[in-house]
Amino acid sequence: MTMEKTRSGTALLDRTFRISLLLKGLDGVLELIGGFLLLVVTPAQIGEVGRFLTQHELAQDPRDLVANSLLHLTSNLSGSASLFGAVYLLLHGVVKIVLVWAVLKEKLWAYPWMIAFLLVFIAYQLYRISVSITWGMVLLTAFDIFIVWITWREYRIRRSQRSAPKDDVGAPPSSR
């Protein structure tokens, strides 16, 4: 493999890493918004929104899987489930945003925390897949596994760059 191919492959992985992190950060922002909405909107209001969003589709096809699932999800939401969801989304969103920000700023401490955070959720997602497999959960888990791998790769690169001696042009070896 030539040096040029290696550089372009590394540049592509670096770009992919940044884009993946930005997607995770955006996901964190959406989780914060969702958590906040769950705090201020009552379960009854959520049920009304669910009925409004699905009424047209269910009028056309009363057996529509997505519309029926959304209607079932929004109509059976209790106050305690709504509060749990809000707290979960708010905490998860804040942690995700902080870790993504710190990794983008190349804070070495954040890489292992990001990996550990994602591994916990991957374990939970694998449990959910074992109970009831959905393509969405499978794709999310695959994306998170990819993020763990690429974060580990970046962490190793950053750690080795920080531990490598700096080469000051023209400086004697003792002053490096």
N, C-alpha and C. Protein backbone atom coordinates (compact mmCIF):
# COMPACT_ATOMS: atom_id res chain seq x y z
N MET A 1 0.85 -1.17 0.00
CA MET A 1 0.00 0.00 0.00
C MET A 1 0.90 1.24 0.00
N THR A 2 0.58 2.20 -0.83
CA THR A 2 1.40 3.39 -0.91
C THR A 2 1.05 4.34 0.23
N MET A 3 1.98 5.27 0.47
CA MET A 3 1.78 6.25 1.53
C MET A 3 0.56 7.12 1.24
N GLU A 4 0.32 7.45 -0.03
CA GLU A 4 -0.81 8.28 -0.42
C GLU A 4 -2.13 7.58 -0.09
N LYS A 5 -2.21 6.28 -0.38
CA LYS A 5 -3.44 5.53 -0.07
C LYS A 5 -3.66 5.47 1.44
N THR A 6 -2.58 5.30 2.20
CA THR A 6 -2.70 5.25 3.64
C THR A 6 -3.21 6.58 4.18
N ARG A 7 -2.67 7.69 3.69
CA ARG A 7 -3.12 9.01 4.13
C ARG A 7 -4.58 9.25 3.77
N SER A 8 -4.99 8.90 2.56
CA SER A 8 -6.38 9.13 2.17
C SER A 8 -7.32 8.24 2.96
N GLY A 9 -6.90 7.01 3.26
CA GLY A 9 -7.71 6.12 4.09
C GLY A 9 -7.83 6.65 5.50
N THR A 10 -6.75 7.18 6.05
CA THR A 10 -6.77 7.76 7.38
C THR A 10 -7.62 9.02 7.39
N ALA A 11 -7.48 9.85 6.36
CA ALA A 11 -8.29 11.07 6.28
C ALA A 11 -9.78 10.73 6.20
N LEU A 12 -10.12 9.70 5.46
CA LEU A 12 -11.51 9.28 5.35
C LEU A 12 -12.03 8.80 6.71
N LEU A 13 -11.22 8.01 7.43
CA LEU A 13 -11.63 7.55 8.76
C LEU A 13 -11.75 8.72 9.74
N ASP A 14 -10.83 9.68 9.65
CA ASP A 14 -10.91 10.86 10.51
C ASP A 14 -12.19 11.64 10.24
N ARG A 15 -12.52 11.83 8.97
CA ARG A 15 -13.75 12.53 8.60
C ARG A 15 -14.98 11.74 9.06
N THR A 16 -14.94 10.44 8.88
CA THR A 16 -16.05 9.58 9.30
C THR A 16 -16.22 9.65 10.81
N PHE A 17 -15.11 9.67 11.54
CA PHE A 17 -15.15 9.78 13.00
C PHE A 17 -15.84 11.08 13.42
N ARG A 18 -15.45 12.19 12.82
CA ARG A 18 -16.03 13.49 13.16
C ARG A 18 -17.53 13.53 12.83
N ILE A 19 -17.90 13.02 11.66
CA ILE A 19 -19.31 13.01 11.27
C ILE A 19 -20.12 12.12 12.21
N SER A 20 -19.57 10.97 12.56
CA SER A 20 -20.26 10.06 13.49
C SER A 20 -20.46 10.72 14.85
N LEU A 21 -19.41 11.41 15.32
CA LEU A 21 -19.55 12.12 16.60
C LEU A 21 -20.59 13.22 16.52
N LEU A 22 -20.60 13.96 15.42
CA LEU A 22 -21.60 15.01 15.27
C LEU A 22 -23.02 14.43 15.25
N LEU A 23 -23.19 13.26 14.63
CA LEU A 23 -24.50 12.59 14.64
C LEU A 23 -24.89 12.19 16.06
N LYS A 24 -23.92 11.68 16.83
CA LYS A 24 -24.18 11.32 18.23
C LYS A 24 -24.53 12.57 19.04
N GLY A 25 -23.83 13.67 18.77
CA GLY A 25 -24.13 14.92 19.46
C GLY A 25 -25.51 15.43 19.12
N LEU A 26 -25.88 15.37 17.85
CA LEU A 26 -27.22 15.76 17.42
C LEU A 26 -28.28 14.88 18.09
N ASP A 27 -27.99 13.60 18.19
CA ASP A 27 -28.88 12.67 18.89
C ASP A 27 -29.05 13.10 20.35
N GLY A 28 -27.95 13.52 20.97
CA GLY A 28 -28.02 14.01 22.35
C GLY A 28 -28.89 15.25 22.47
N VAL A 29 -28.77 16.17 21.53
CA VAL A 29 -29.61 17.38 21.53
C VAL A 29 -31.08 16.99 21.38
N LEU A 30 -31.37 16.06 20.47
CA LEU A 30 -32.76 15.61 20.28
C LEU A 30 -33.29 14.93 21.54
N GLU A 31 -32.43 14.19 22.24
CA GLU A 31 -32.83 13.55 23.49
C GLU A 31 -33.17 14.61 24.55
N LEU A 32 -32.36 15.68 24.60
CA LEU A 32 -32.67 16.77 25.54
C LEU A 32 -34.02 17.40 25.23
N ILE A 33 -34.28 17.65 23.96
CA ILE A 33 -35.56 18.24 23.56
C ILE A 33 -36.70 17.29 23.92
N GLY A 34 -36.53 16.01 23.60
CA GLY A 34 -37.56 15.03 23.92
C GLY A 34 -37.79 14.91 25.41
N GLY A 35 -36.72 14.90 26.20
CA GLY A 35 -36.85 14.82 27.65
C GLY A 35 -37.57 16.04 28.21
N PHE A 36 -37.21 17.22 27.70
CA PHE A 36 -37.88 18.45 28.14
C PHE A 36 -39.37 18.40 27.79
N LEU A 37 -39.68 17.96 26.56
CA LEU A 37 -41.09 17.88 26.15
C LEU A 37 -41.87 16.90 27.03
N LEU A 38 -41.23 15.79 27.40
CA LEU A 38 -41.92 14.84 28.27
C LEU A 38 -42.20 15.42 29.65
N LEU A 39 -41.38 16.39 30.07
CA LEU A 39 -41.62 17.03 31.36
C LEU A 39 -42.78 18.02 31.31
N VAL A 40 -42.95 18.71 30.17
CA VAL A 40 -43.95 19.77 30.11
C VAL A 40 -45.27 19.34 29.45
N VAL A 41 -45.26 18.23 28.75
CA VAL A 41 -46.48 17.76 28.06
C VAL A 41 -47.03 16.57 28.86
N THR A 42 -48.32 16.60 29.13
CA THR A 42 -48.95 15.52 29.91
C THR A 42 -49.12 14.26 29.05
N PRO A 43 -49.22 13.10 29.70
CA PRO A 43 -49.49 11.87 28.93
C PRO A 43 -50.78 11.96 28.11
N ALA A 44 -51.80 12.65 28.63
CA ALA A 44 -53.06 12.80 27.87
C ALA A 44 -52.82 13.61 26.60
N GLN A 45 -52.01 14.67 26.69
CA GLN A 45 -51.70 15.47 25.51
C GLN A 45 -50.89 14.66 24.49
N ILE A 46 -49.99 13.83 24.99
CA ILE A 46 -49.20 12.97 24.10
C ILE A 46 -50.14 12.00 23.37
N GLY A 47 -51.13 11.45 24.11
CA GLY A 47 -52.11 10.56 23.49
C GLY A 47 -52.91 11.26 22.41
N GLU A 48 -53.28 12.52 22.65
CA GLU A 48 -54.02 13.29 21.66
C GLU A 48 -53.17 13.52 20.40
N VAL A 49 -51.92 13.84 20.59
CA VAL A 49 -51.02 14.04 19.44
C VAL A 49 -50.89 12.74 18.66
N GLY A 50 -50.75 11.61 19.37
CA GLY A 50 -50.67 10.31 18.70
C GLY A 50 -51.90 10.00 17.88
N ARG A 51 -53.08 10.29 18.45
CA ARG A 51 -54.32 10.06 17.70
C ARG A 51 -54.40 10.97 16.48
N PHE A 52 -54.00 12.24 16.65
CA PHE A 52 -54.02 13.19 15.54
C PHE A 52 -53.08 12.73 14.41
N LEU A 53 -51.88 12.30 14.79
CA LEU A 53 -50.89 11.90 13.78
C LEU A 53 -51.26 10.62 13.04
N THR A 54 -52.05 9.76 13.66
CA THR A 54 -52.35 8.47 13.04
C THR A 54 -53.75 8.38 12.44
N GLN A 55 -54.62 9.33 12.72
CA GLN A 55 -56.02 9.21 12.28
C GLN A 55 -56.16 9.07 10.76
N HIS A 56 -55.44 9.85 10.00
CA HIS A 56 -55.54 9.80 8.54
C HIS A 56 -55.05 8.44 8.01
N GLU A 57 -53.92 8.01 8.51
CA GLU A 57 -53.35 6.74 8.04
C GLU A 57 -54.24 5.56 8.43
N LEU A 58 -54.77 5.57 9.64
CA LEU A 58 -55.64 4.48 10.08
C LEU A 58 -56.99 4.50 9.36
N ALA A 59 -57.44 5.66 8.92
CA ALA A 59 -58.68 5.73 8.14
C ALA A 59 -58.48 5.05 6.79
N GLN A 60 -57.27 5.17 6.23
CA GLN A 60 -56.97 4.53 4.95
C GLN A 60 -56.69 3.04 5.11
N ASP A 61 -55.94 2.69 6.17
CA ASP A 61 -55.57 1.30 6.41
C ASP A 61 -55.61 1.03 7.91
N PRO A 62 -56.71 0.50 8.43
CA PRO A 62 -56.84 0.28 9.87
C PRO A 62 -55.81 -0.71 10.44
N ARG A 63 -55.13 -1.47 9.58
CA ARG A 63 -54.14 -2.44 10.05
C ARG A 63 -52.71 -1.94 9.92
N ASP A 64 -52.51 -0.65 9.60
CA ASP A 64 -51.16 -0.09 9.42
C ASP A 64 -50.33 -0.31 10.68
N LEU A 65 -49.23 -1.04 10.54
CA LEU A 65 -48.39 -1.44 11.68
C LEU A 65 -47.77 -0.23 12.38
N VAL A 66 -47.19 0.69 11.62
CA VAL A 66 -46.52 1.83 12.22
C VAL A 66 -47.52 2.73 12.95
N ALA A 67 -48.62 3.04 12.30
CA ALA A 67 -49.63 3.91 12.91
C ALA A 67 -50.22 3.26 14.16
N ASN A 68 -50.52 1.97 14.10
CA ASN A 68 -51.06 1.28 15.27
C ASN A 68 -50.04 1.23 16.41
N SER A 69 -48.79 1.02 16.07
CA SER A 69 -47.74 0.99 17.10
C SER A 69 -47.61 2.35 17.77
N LEU A 70 -47.60 3.42 16.97
CA LEU A 70 -47.50 4.77 17.52
C LEU A 70 -48.72 5.09 18.38
N LEU A 71 -49.89 4.73 17.92
CA LEU A 71 -51.11 4.98 18.69
C LEU A 71 -51.08 4.22 20.01
N HIS A 72 -50.65 2.96 19.97
CA HIS A 72 -50.57 2.15 21.19
C HIS A 72 -49.56 2.74 22.16
N LEU A 73 -48.41 3.16 21.64
CA LEU A 73 -47.36 3.72 22.48
C LEU A 73 -47.81 5.02 23.15
N THR A 74 -48.46 5.88 22.41
CA THR A 74 -48.84 7.19 22.96
C THR A 74 -50.10 7.13 23.83
N SER A 75 -50.96 6.17 23.60
CA SER A 75 -52.20 6.13 24.38
C SER A 75 -52.03 5.41 25.71
N ASN A 76 -51.00 4.63 25.87
CA ASN A 76 -50.80 3.87 27.10
C ASN A 76 -49.70 4.44 27.99
N LEU A 77 -49.37 5.70 27.82
CA LEU A 77 -48.29 6.31 28.58
C LEU A 77 -48.81 6.79 29.93
N SER A 78 -48.19 6.34 31.00
CA SER A 78 -48.59 6.78 32.34
C SER A 78 -47.72 7.95 32.77
N GLY A 79 -48.11 8.60 33.85
CA GLY A 79 -47.34 9.72 34.39
C GLY A 79 -45.96 9.30 34.83
N SER A 80 -45.87 8.14 35.49
CA SER A 80 -44.56 7.68 35.97
C SER A 80 -43.67 7.26 34.80
N ALA A 81 -44.25 6.66 33.77
CA ALA A 81 -43.46 6.27 32.59
C ALA A 81 -42.97 7.51 31.86
N SER A 82 -43.81 8.54 31.82
CA SER A 82 -43.43 9.79 31.18
C SER A 82 -42.29 10.45 31.95
N LEU A 83 -42.37 10.47 33.28
CA LEU A 83 -41.31 11.05 34.10
C LEU A 83 -40.01 10.26 33.95
N PHE A 84 -40.11 8.93 33.97
CA PHE A 84 -38.92 8.09 33.78
C PHE A 84 -38.29 8.38 32.42
N GLY A 85 -39.12 8.44 31.38
CA GLY A 85 -38.61 8.73 30.04
C GLY A 85 -37.94 10.08 29.97
N ALA A 86 -38.52 11.08 30.63
CA ALA A 86 -37.95 12.43 30.63
C ALA A 86 -36.58 12.44 31.31
N VAL A 87 -36.50 11.86 32.49
CA VAL A 87 -35.23 11.82 33.22
C VAL A 87 -34.18 11.04 32.43
N TYR A 88 -34.58 9.90 31.90
CA TYR A 88 -33.67 9.07 31.11
C TYR A 88 -33.13 9.87 29.91
N LEU A 89 -34.02 10.48 29.15
CA LEU A 89 -33.60 11.23 27.97
C LEU A 89 -32.73 12.44 28.33
N LEU A 90 -33.09 13.15 29.39
CA LEU A 90 -32.31 14.31 29.79
C LEU A 90 -30.90 13.91 30.23
N LEU A 91 -30.79 12.90 31.08
CA LEU A 91 -29.47 12.46 31.54
C LEU A 91 -28.64 11.90 30.39
N HIS A 92 -29.26 11.04 29.60
CA HIS A 92 -28.56 10.43 28.46
C HIS A 92 -28.11 11.50 27.48
N GLY A 93 -28.96 12.47 27.21
CA GLY A 93 -28.62 13.55 26.28
C GLY A 93 -27.47 14.41 26.79
N VAL A 94 -27.52 14.78 28.08
CA VAL A 94 -26.46 15.61 28.65
C VAL A 94 -25.13 14.88 28.62
N VAL A 95 -25.12 13.62 29.05
CA VAL A 95 -23.87 12.85 29.06
C VAL A 95 -23.32 12.72 27.64
N LYS A 96 -24.19 12.43 26.70
CA LYS A 96 -23.76 12.26 25.31
C LYS A 96 -23.17 13.57 24.76
N ILE A 97 -23.83 14.68 25.01
CA ILE A 97 -23.35 15.98 24.50
C ILE A 97 -22.00 16.33 25.13
N VAL A 98 -21.87 16.15 26.43
CA VAL A 98 -20.60 16.46 27.10
C VAL A 98 -19.48 15.59 26.56
N LEU A 99 -19.73 14.30 26.42
CA LEU A 99 -18.68 13.40 25.93
C LEU A 99 -18.32 13.69 24.48
N VAL A 100 -19.31 13.95 23.65
CA VAL A 100 -19.03 14.26 22.25
C VAL A 100 -18.21 15.56 22.17
N TRP A 101 -18.60 16.56 22.92
CA TRP A 101 -17.86 17.82 22.93
C TRP A 101 -16.41 17.59 23.36
N ALA A 102 -16.23 16.84 24.44
CA ALA A 102 -14.88 16.61 24.97
C ALA A 102 -14.03 15.80 23.98
N VAL A 103 -14.61 14.82 23.32
CA VAL A 103 -13.85 14.04 22.34
C VAL A 103 -13.50 14.92 21.13
N LEU A 104 -14.44 15.74 20.69
CA LEU A 104 -14.15 16.64 19.57
C LEU A 104 -13.04 17.63 19.93
N LYS A 105 -12.94 17.98 21.22
CA LYS A 105 -11.87 18.86 21.70
C LYS A 105 -10.60 18.06 22.03
N GLU A 106 -10.62 16.75 21.73
CA GLU A 106 -9.48 15.85 21.92
C GLU A 106 -9.03 15.76 23.37
N LYS A 107 -9.97 15.79 24.29
CA LYS A 107 -9.68 15.58 25.71
C LYS A 107 -9.51 14.08 25.92
N LEU A 108 -8.29 13.65 26.26
CA LEU A 108 -8.00 12.21 26.34
C LEU A 108 -8.89 11.47 27.33
N TRP A 109 -9.26 12.09 28.44
CA TRP A 109 -10.08 11.43 29.44
C TRP A 109 -11.45 11.03 28.88
N ALA A 110 -11.92 11.75 27.86
CA ALA A 110 -13.28 11.54 27.36
C ALA A 110 -13.41 10.29 26.50
N TYR A 111 -12.34 9.89 25.83
CA TYR A 111 -12.41 8.73 24.92
C TYR A 111 -12.81 7.45 25.66
N PRO A 112 -12.12 7.08 26.76
CA PRO A 112 -12.55 5.86 27.46
C PRO A 112 -13.96 5.98 28.04
N TRP A 113 -14.34 7.18 28.51
CA TRP A 113 -15.68 7.37 29.03
C TRP A 113 -16.73 7.21 27.93
N MET A 114 -16.43 7.73 26.75
CA MET A 114 -17.35 7.58 25.61
C MET A 114 -17.51 6.10 25.26
N ILE A 115 -16.40 5.39 25.23
CA ILE A 115 -16.43 3.96 24.91
C ILE A 115 -17.24 3.20 25.96
N ALA A 116 -16.97 3.46 27.24
CA ALA A 116 -17.69 2.77 28.31
C ALA A 116 -19.18 3.08 28.27
N PHE A 117 -19.52 4.35 28.06
CA PHE A 117 -20.91 4.78 27.97
C PHE A 117 -21.63 4.03 26.85
N LEU A 118 -20.99 3.97 25.69
CA LEU A 118 -21.61 3.28 24.56
C LEU A 118 -21.70 1.77 24.80
N LEU A 119 -20.69 1.18 25.42
CA LEU A 119 -20.73 -0.27 25.69
C LEU A 119 -21.89 -0.64 26.61
N VAL A 120 -22.17 0.21 27.59
CA VAL A 120 -23.32 -0.05 28.47
C VAL A 120 -24.60 -0.05 27.66
N PHE A 121 -24.76 0.91 26.77
CA PHE A 121 -25.98 0.98 25.97
C PHE A 121 -26.02 -0.12 24.91
N ILE A 122 -24.87 -0.52 24.40
CA ILE A 122 -24.84 -1.66 23.46
C ILE A 122 -25.32 -2.92 24.17
N ALA A 123 -24.87 -3.12 25.41
CA ALA A 123 -25.33 -4.29 26.17
C ALA A 123 -26.84 -4.26 26.36
N TYR A 124 -27.37 -3.09 26.71
CA TYR A 124 -28.81 -2.94 26.87
C TYR A 124 -29.54 -3.19 25.55
N GLN A 125 -29.00 -2.64 24.46
CA GLN A 125 -29.62 -2.81 23.14
C GLN A 125 -29.59 -4.27 22.72
N LEU A 126 -28.51 -4.98 23.01
CA LEU A 126 -28.45 -6.41 22.68
C LEU A 126 -29.50 -7.19 23.48
N TYR A 127 -29.71 -6.79 24.73
CA TYR A 127 -30.76 -7.41 25.52
C TYR A 127 -32.13 -7.17 24.86
N ARG A 128 -32.37 -5.91 24.45
CA ARG A 128 -33.64 -5.58 23.80
C ARG A 128 -33.83 -6.38 22.51
N ILE A 129 -32.73 -6.54 21.76
CA ILE A 129 -32.80 -7.32 20.51
C ILE A 129 -33.13 -8.77 20.82
N SER A 130 -32.57 -9.30 21.91
CA SER A 130 -32.84 -10.70 22.26
C SER A 130 -34.29 -10.90 22.69
N VAL A 131 -34.91 -9.87 23.24
CA VAL A 131 -36.32 -9.95 23.65
C VAL A 131 -37.24 -9.77 22.46
N SER A 132 -36.97 -8.76 21.66
CA SER A 132 -37.81 -8.45 20.51
C SER A 132 -36.98 -7.73 19.46
N ILE A 133 -36.63 -8.45 18.42
CA ILE A 133 -35.73 -7.89 17.40
C ILE A 133 -36.47 -6.90 16.52
N THR A 134 -35.83 -5.73 16.34
CA THR A 134 -36.33 -4.73 15.39
C THR A 134 -35.13 -4.25 14.59
N TRP A 135 -35.38 -3.90 13.34
CA TRP A 135 -34.29 -3.43 12.47
C TRP A 135 -33.71 -2.13 12.97
N GLY A 136 -34.54 -1.28 13.52
CA GLY A 136 -34.05 -0.02 14.06
C GLY A 136 -33.03 -0.24 15.17
N MET A 137 -33.35 -1.16 16.08
CA MET A 137 -32.44 -1.45 17.19
C MET A 137 -31.17 -2.13 16.68
N VAL A 138 -31.29 -3.00 15.70
CA VAL A 138 -30.12 -3.65 15.12
C VAL A 138 -29.21 -2.61 14.46
N LEU A 139 -29.78 -1.68 13.70
CA LEU A 139 -28.98 -0.65 13.04
C LEU A 139 -28.34 0.30 14.06
N LEU A 140 -29.09 0.69 15.08
CA LEU A 140 -28.54 1.55 16.12
C LEU A 140 -27.37 0.86 16.83
N THR A 141 -27.53 -0.41 17.13
CA THR A 141 -26.47 -1.17 17.79
C THR A 141 -25.24 -1.29 16.90
N ALA A 142 -25.45 -1.57 15.63
CA ALA A 142 -24.32 -1.64 14.69
C ALA A 142 -23.60 -0.29 14.61
N PHE A 143 -24.36 0.80 14.56
CA PHE A 143 -23.76 2.14 14.52
C PHE A 143 -22.95 2.41 15.79
N ASP A 144 -23.51 2.04 16.95
CA ASP A 144 -22.80 2.25 18.21
C ASP A 144 -21.53 1.40 18.29
N ILE A 145 -21.57 0.18 17.78
CA ILE A 145 -20.37 -0.67 17.75
C ILE A 145 -19.31 -0.02 16.87
N PHE A 146 -19.73 0.51 15.74
CA PHE A 146 -18.79 1.22 14.85
C PHE A 146 -18.19 2.43 15.57
N ILE A 147 -19.02 3.20 16.28
CA ILE A 147 -18.53 4.37 17.01
C ILE A 147 -17.52 3.95 18.08
N VAL A 148 -17.78 2.85 18.77
CA VAL A 148 -16.82 2.36 19.78
C VAL A 148 -15.49 2.03 19.11
N TRP A 149 -15.54 1.32 18.00
CA TRP A 149 -14.30 0.94 17.31
C TRP A 149 -13.53 2.18 16.84
N ILE A 150 -14.21 3.10 16.21
CA ILE A 150 -13.52 4.26 15.65
C ILE A 150 -13.05 5.21 16.77
N THR A 151 -13.77 5.26 17.90
CA THR A 151 -13.33 6.06 19.04
C THR A 151 -12.08 5.44 19.66
N TRP A 152 -12.07 4.11 19.78
CA TRP A 152 -10.88 3.41 20.30
C TRP A 152 -9.68 3.68 19.40
N ARG A 153 -9.89 3.64 18.10
CA ARG A 153 -8.81 3.91 17.14
C ARG A 153 -8.27 5.32 17.32
N GLU A 154 -9.16 6.30 17.39
CA GLU A 154 -8.75 7.69 17.58
C GLU A 154 -8.06 7.89 18.93
N TYR A 155 -8.55 7.23 19.95
CA TYR A 155 -7.94 7.34 21.28
C TYR A 155 -6.50 6.85 21.26
N ARG A 156 -6.28 5.70 20.62
CA ARG A 156 -4.91 5.17 20.52
C ARG A 156 -4.02 6.14 19.77
N ILE A 157 -4.50 6.72 18.69
CA ILE A 157 -3.71 7.67 17.90
C ILE A 157 -3.39 8.91 18.75
N ARG A 158 -4.39 9.48 19.41
CA ARG A 158 -4.17 10.69 20.21
C ARG A 158 -3.24 10.42 21.38
N ARG A 159 -3.41 9.28 22.03
CA ARG A 159 -2.56 8.93 23.17
C ARG A 159 -1.11 8.77 22.73
N SER A 160 -0.89 8.11 21.59
CA SER A 160 0.48 7.93 21.11
C SER A 160 1.09 9.25 20.66
N GLN A 161 0.28 10.16 20.12
CA GLN A 161 0.79 11.48 19.73
C GLN A 161 1.20 12.29 20.94
N ARG A 162 0.46 12.16 22.03
CA ARG A 162 0.79 12.92 23.24
C ARG A 162 2.02 12.35 23.95
N SER A 163 2.22 11.05 23.84
CA SER A 163 3.36 10.44 24.53
C SER A 163 4.63 10.48 23.70
N ALA A 164 4.52 10.73 22.39
CA ALA A 164 5.71 10.80 21.53
C ALA A 164 6.45 12.09 21.81
N PRO A 165 7.80 12.02 21.81
CA PRO A 165 8.57 13.25 22.05
C PRO A 165 8.38 14.22 20.89
N LYS A 166 8.32 15.49 21.22
CA LYS A 166 8.17 16.53 20.21
C LYS A 166 9.52 16.77 19.55
N ASP A 167 9.52 16.90 18.24
CA ASP A 167 10.75 17.21 17.50
C ASP A 167 10.80 18.70 17.24
N ASP A 168 11.68 19.38 17.95
CA ASP A 168 11.90 20.80 17.70
C ASP A 168 13.06 20.91 16.73
N VAL A 169 12.78 21.50 15.58
CA VAL A 169 13.80 21.62 14.55
C VAL A 169 14.95 22.47 15.08
N GLY A 170 16.16 21.93 15.01
CA GLY A 170 17.35 22.65 15.42
C GLY A 170 17.62 22.63 16.92
N ALA A 171 16.72 22.06 17.71
CA ALA A 171 16.94 22.03 19.16
C ALA A 171 17.81 20.84 19.52
N PRO A 172 18.72 20.99 20.46
CA PRO A 172 19.54 19.86 20.87
C PRO A 172 18.66 18.80 21.56
N PRO A 173 19.05 17.53 21.50
CA PRO A 173 18.24 16.45 22.07
C PRO A 173 17.88 16.67 23.54
N SER A 174 18.72 17.30 24.31
CA SER A 174 18.44 17.49 25.73
C SER A 174 17.31 18.48 25.99
N SER A 175 17.02 19.35 25.04
CA SER A 175 15.96 20.35 25.25
C SER A 175 14.62 19.94 24.64
N ARG A 176 14.53 18.76 24.08
CA ARG A 176 13.29 18.29 23.46
C ARG A 176 12.27 17.87 24.45
